[in-house]
Amino acid sequence: MTGETDLNKLLKTLKPRLHTGDYVFCVVQDPAGVDPEDILLLFKEEEGSTIILRKERADQLQLEYSFVASWITLTVHSSLEAVGLTAAFATALAKEGVSCNVVAAYYHDHLFVDKKDTERAMAILGRLGE
């Protein structure tokens, strides 16, 4: 099943969904020390492996982090080849002073916004479809 590429259709059907909990980005040198079931995302960089996981699990593992985020999924099935979707929602959020870290997965885009901006981000994303 291929995803949607038409920007107008994507924006009208974003349907953002807020996940419960707090999420953090941590850097580990060896991700094998973290249970794969706890890792939402793993990305290897030259400096170390970035992982996203629940804040409470990071605290249990005594991992350092500096950003506590809410996780929002855009439930529309967007194509990895879609043009302009990330720019559209990132621009809308930026105009309101909301920072956003984006993970584009196969079916959906996932946004991580500062916990304090959760309600505003959901409202902004909801308006994009109007």
C-alpha atoms as a PDB file:
ATOM      1  CA  MET A   1       0.000   0.000   0.000  1.00  0.00           C
ATOM      2  CA  THR A   2       1.504   3.306  -1.094  1.00  0.00           C
ATOM      3  CA  GLY A   3       1.059   6.500   0.824  1.00  0.00           C
ATOM      4  CA  GLU A   4      -0.589   9.735  -0.216  1.00  0.00           C
ATOM      5  CA  THR A   5       1.525  12.277  -2.121  1.00  0.00           C
ATOM      6  CA  ASP A   6      -1.015  15.068  -2.758  1.00  0.00           C
ATOM      7  CA  LEU A   7      -0.206  17.840  -0.277  1.00  0.00           C
ATOM      8  CA  ASN A   8      -3.775  19.201  -0.132  1.00  0.00           C
ATOM      9  CA  LYS A   9      -5.170  15.744   0.678  1.00  0.00           C
ATOM     10  CA  LEU A  10      -2.435  15.166   3.246  1.00  0.00           C
ATOM     11  CA  LEU A  11      -3.171  18.417   5.053  1.00  0.00           C
ATOM     12  CA  LYS A  12      -6.924  17.763   5.088  1.00  0.00           C
ATOM     13  CA  THR A  13      -6.443  14.311   6.597  1.00  0.00           C
ATOM     14  CA  LEU A  14      -3.529  14.787   9.030  1.00  0.00           C
ATOM     15  CA  LYS A  15      -5.569  13.669  12.062  1.00  0.00           C
ATOM     16  CA  PRO A  16      -2.858  14.215  14.676  1.00  0.00           C
ATOM     17  CA  ARG A  17      -2.924  11.734  17.562  1.00  0.00           C
ATOM     18  CA  LEU A  18      -1.245  12.466  20.888  1.00  0.00           C
ATOM     19  CA  HIS A  19       0.416   9.514  22.613  1.00  0.00           C
ATOM     20  CA  THR A  20       0.415   9.330  26.385  1.00  0.00           C
ATOM     21  CA  GLY A  21       3.630   9.770  28.311  1.00  0.00           C
ATOM     22  CA  ASP A  22       6.824  11.771  28.165  1.00  0.00           C
ATOM     23  CA  TYR A  23       9.591  10.952  25.690  1.00  0.00           C
ATOM     24  CA  VAL A  24      13.291  11.824  25.631  1.00  0.00           C
ATOM     25  CA  PHE A  25      16.218  11.706  23.226  1.00  0.00           C
ATOM     26  CA  CYS A  26      19.354  10.101  24.673  1.00  0.00           C
ATOM     27  CA  VAL A  27      22.774   9.260  23.273  1.00  0.00           C
ATOM     28  CA  VAL A  28      24.370   5.914  24.071  1.00  0.00           C
ATOM     29  CA  GLN A  29      27.638   4.485  22.812  1.00  0.00           C
ATOM     30  CA  ASP A  30      26.296   0.934  22.857  1.00  0.00           C
ATOM     31  CA  PRO A  31      22.535   0.546  22.380  1.00  0.00           C
ATOM     32  CA  ALA A  32      22.847  -3.151  23.314  1.00  0.00           C
ATOM     33  CA  GLY A  33      22.633  -1.985  26.935  1.00  0.00           C
ATOM     34  CA  VAL A  34      19.015  -0.917  26.387  1.00  0.00           C
ATOM     35  CA  ASP A  35      16.204  -3.423  25.901  1.00  0.00           C
ATOM     36  CA  PRO A  36      15.041  -3.121  22.261  1.00  0.00           C
ATOM     37  CA  GLU A  37      11.440  -3.203  23.518  1.00  0.00           C
ATOM     38  CA  ASP A  38      12.081   0.116  25.300  1.00  0.00           C
ATOM     39  CA  ILE A  39      13.477   1.881  22.219  1.00  0.00           C
ATOM     40  CA  LEU A  40      11.034   3.817  20.077  1.00  0.00           C
ATOM     41  CA  LEU A  41      13.744   4.913  17.623  1.00  0.00           C
ATOM     42  CA  LEU A  42      17.430   4.180  17.165  1.00  0.00           C
ATOM     43  CA  PHE A  43      19.597   6.185  14.812  1.00  0.00           C
ATOM     44  CA  LYS A  44      23.349   5.691  14.559  1.00  0.00           C
ATOM     45  CA  GLU A  45      25.436   8.836  14.258  1.00  0.00           C
ATOM     46  CA  GLU A  46      29.223   9.252  14.290  1.00  0.00           C
ATOM     47  CA  GLU A  47      29.128  10.587  17.854  1.00  0.00           C
ATOM     48  CA  GLY A  48      26.963   7.768  19.222  1.00  0.00           C
ATOM     49  CA  SER A  49      23.533   6.210  18.856  1.00  0.00           C
ATOM     50  CA  THR A  50      20.529   8.445  19.439  1.00  0.00           C
ATOM     51  CA  ILE A  51      17.587   6.649  21.014  1.00  0.00           C
ATOM     52  CA  ILE A  52      14.088   7.869  21.793  1.00  0.00           C
ATOM     53  CA  LEU A  53      12.358   6.224  24.722  1.00  0.00           C
ATOM     54  CA  ARG A  54       9.947   6.938  27.536  1.00  0.00           C
ATOM     55  CA  LYS A  55      11.316   9.356  30.098  1.00  0.00           C
ATOM     56  CA  GLU A  56      10.639   7.034  33.024  1.00  0.00           C
ATOM     57  CA  ARG A  57      12.684   4.269  31.381  1.00  0.00           C
ATOM     58  CA  ALA A  58      15.557   6.675  30.672  1.00  0.00           C
ATOM     59  CA  ASP A  59      15.438   7.709  34.329  1.00  0.00           C
ATOM     60  CA  GLN A  60      15.563   4.059  35.434  1.00  0.00           C
ATOM     61  CA  LEU A  61      18.597   3.510  33.195  1.00  0.00           C
ATOM     62  CA  GLN A  62      20.159   6.780  34.449  1.00  0.00           C
ATOM     63  CA  LEU A  63      20.506   8.096  30.900  1.00  0.00           C
ATOM     64  CA  GLU A  64      21.058  11.809  30.336  1.00  0.00           C
ATOM     65  CA  TYR A  65      18.664  13.959  28.326  1.00  0.00           C
ATOM     66  CA  SER A  66      17.894  17.643  27.996  1.00  0.00           C
ATOM     67  CA  PHE A  67      14.533  17.697  26.228  1.00  0.00           C
ATOM     68  CA  VAL A  68      11.238  16.218  27.439  1.00  0.00           C
ATOM     69  CA  ALA A  69       8.761  15.828  24.614  1.00  0.00           C
ATOM     70  CA  SER A  70       5.259  14.807  23.733  1.00  0.00           C
ATOM     71  CA  TRP A  71       4.855  12.403  20.818  1.00  0.00           C
ATOM     72  CA  ILE A  72       2.290  13.265  18.131  1.00  0.00           C
ATOM     73  CA  THR A  73       1.588  10.974  15.188  1.00  0.00           C
ATOM     74  CA  LEU A  74       0.065  12.324  11.987  1.00  0.00           C
ATOM     75  CA  THR A  75      -2.203   9.374  11.263  1.00  0.00           C
ATOM     76  CA  VAL A  76      -2.523  10.059   7.536  1.00  0.00           C
ATOM     77  CA  HIS A  77      -0.506   7.507   5.528  1.00  0.00           C
ATOM     78  CA  SER A  78       1.926   9.856   3.843  1.00  0.00           C
ATOM     79  CA  SER A  79       4.295   8.684   1.144  1.00  0.00           C
ATOM     80  CA  LEU A  80       8.015   9.007   1.774  1.00  0.00           C
ATOM     81  CA  GLU A  81       8.029  10.756  -1.614  1.00  0.00           C
ATOM     82  CA  ALA A  82       5.431  13.380  -0.654  1.00  0.00           C
ATOM     83  CA  VAL A  83       6.680  16.922  -1.220  1.00  0.00           C
ATOM     84  CA  GLY A  84       5.913  19.764   1.178  1.00  0.00           C
ATOM     85  CA  LEU A  85       4.228  18.034   4.112  1.00  0.00           C
ATOM     86  CA  THR A  86       7.097  18.455   6.555  1.00  0.00           C
ATOM     87  CA  ALA A  87       7.595  22.040   5.428  1.00  0.00           C
ATOM     88  CA  ALA A  88       3.887  22.803   5.875  1.00  0.00           C
ATOM     89  CA  PHE A  89       3.532  21.580   9.446  1.00  0.00           C
ATOM     90  CA  ALA A  90       7.022  22.720  10.501  1.00  0.00           C
ATOM     91  CA  THR A  91       6.326  26.224   9.186  1.00  0.00           C
ATOM     92  CA  ALA A  92       2.930  26.378  10.918  1.00  0.00           C
ATOM     93  CA  LEU A  93       4.485  25.297  14.217  1.00  0.00           C
ATOM     94  CA  ALA A  94       7.479  27.637  13.816  1.00  0.00           C
ATOM     95  CA  LYS A  95       5.204  30.649  13.220  1.00  0.00           C
ATOM     96  CA  GLU A  96       3.751  29.961  16.685  1.00  0.00           C
ATOM     97  CA  GLY A  97       7.170  29.427  18.290  1.00  0.00           C
ATOM     98  CA  VAL A  98       6.803  25.655  18.679  1.00  0.00           C
ATOM     99  CA  SER A  99       9.908  23.562  18.057  1.00  0.00           C
ATOM    100  CA  CYS A 100       9.410  20.196  16.425  1.00  0.00           C
ATOM    101  CA  ASN A 101      11.611  17.156  15.933  1.00  0.00           C
ATOM    102  CA  VAL A 102      10.339  14.936  13.132  1.00  0.00           C
ATOM    103  CA  VAL A 103      10.720  11.233  12.440  1.00  0.00           C
ATOM    104  CA  ALA A 104       9.404  10.145   9.052  1.00  0.00           C
ATOM    105  CA  ALA A 105       8.569   6.460   9.213  1.00  0.00           C
ATOM    106  CA  TYR A 106       7.091   4.305   6.441  1.00  0.00           C
ATOM    107  CA  TYR A 107       3.413   4.928   7.209  1.00  0.00           C
ATOM    108  CA  HIS A 108       3.343   8.122   9.267  1.00  0.00           C
ATOM    109  CA  ASP A 109       5.227  11.192  10.370  1.00  0.00           C
ATOM    110  CA  HIS A 110       5.932  11.441  14.088  1.00  0.00           C
ATOM    111  CA  LEU A 111       6.511  14.769  15.795  1.00  0.00           C
ATOM    112  CA  PHE A 112       8.207  15.333  19.117  1.00  0.00           C
ATOM    113  CA  VAL A 113       7.352  18.718  20.619  1.00  0.00           C
ATOM    114  CA  ASP A 114       8.356  20.277  23.908  1.00  0.00           C
ATOM    115  CA  LYS A 115       5.997  19.033  26.624  1.00  0.00           C
ATOM    116  CA  LYS A 116       4.957  22.595  27.480  1.00  0.00           C
ATOM    117  CA  ASP A 117       3.806  23.170  23.874  1.00  0.00           C
ATOM    118  CA  THR A 118       1.677  20.034  23.488  1.00  0.00           C
ATOM    119  CA  GLU A 119      -1.770  21.646  23.512  1.00  0.00           C
ATOM    120  CA  ARG A 120      -0.709  24.464  21.190  1.00  0.00           C
ATOM    121  CA  ALA A 121       0.912  22.024  18.760  1.00  0.00           C
ATOM    122  CA  MET A 122      -2.228  19.873  18.626  1.00  0.00           C
ATOM    123  CA  ALA A 123      -4.361  22.957  17.949  1.00  0.00           C
ATOM    124  CA  ILE A 124      -2.010  24.220  15.215  1.00  0.00           C
ATOM    125  CA  LEU A 125      -1.920  20.828  13.509  1.00  0.00           C
ATOM    126  CA  GLY A 126      -5.689  20.568  13.755  1.00  0.00           C
ATOM    127  CA  ARG A 127      -6.074  23.912  11.962  1.00  0.00           C
ATOM    128  CA  LEU A 128      -3.901  22.780   9.042  1.00  0.00           C
ATOM    129  CA  GLY A 129      -6.703  20.551   7.825  1.00  0.00           C
ATOM    130  CA  GLU A 130      -9.286  23.330   7.733  1.00  0.00           C
END
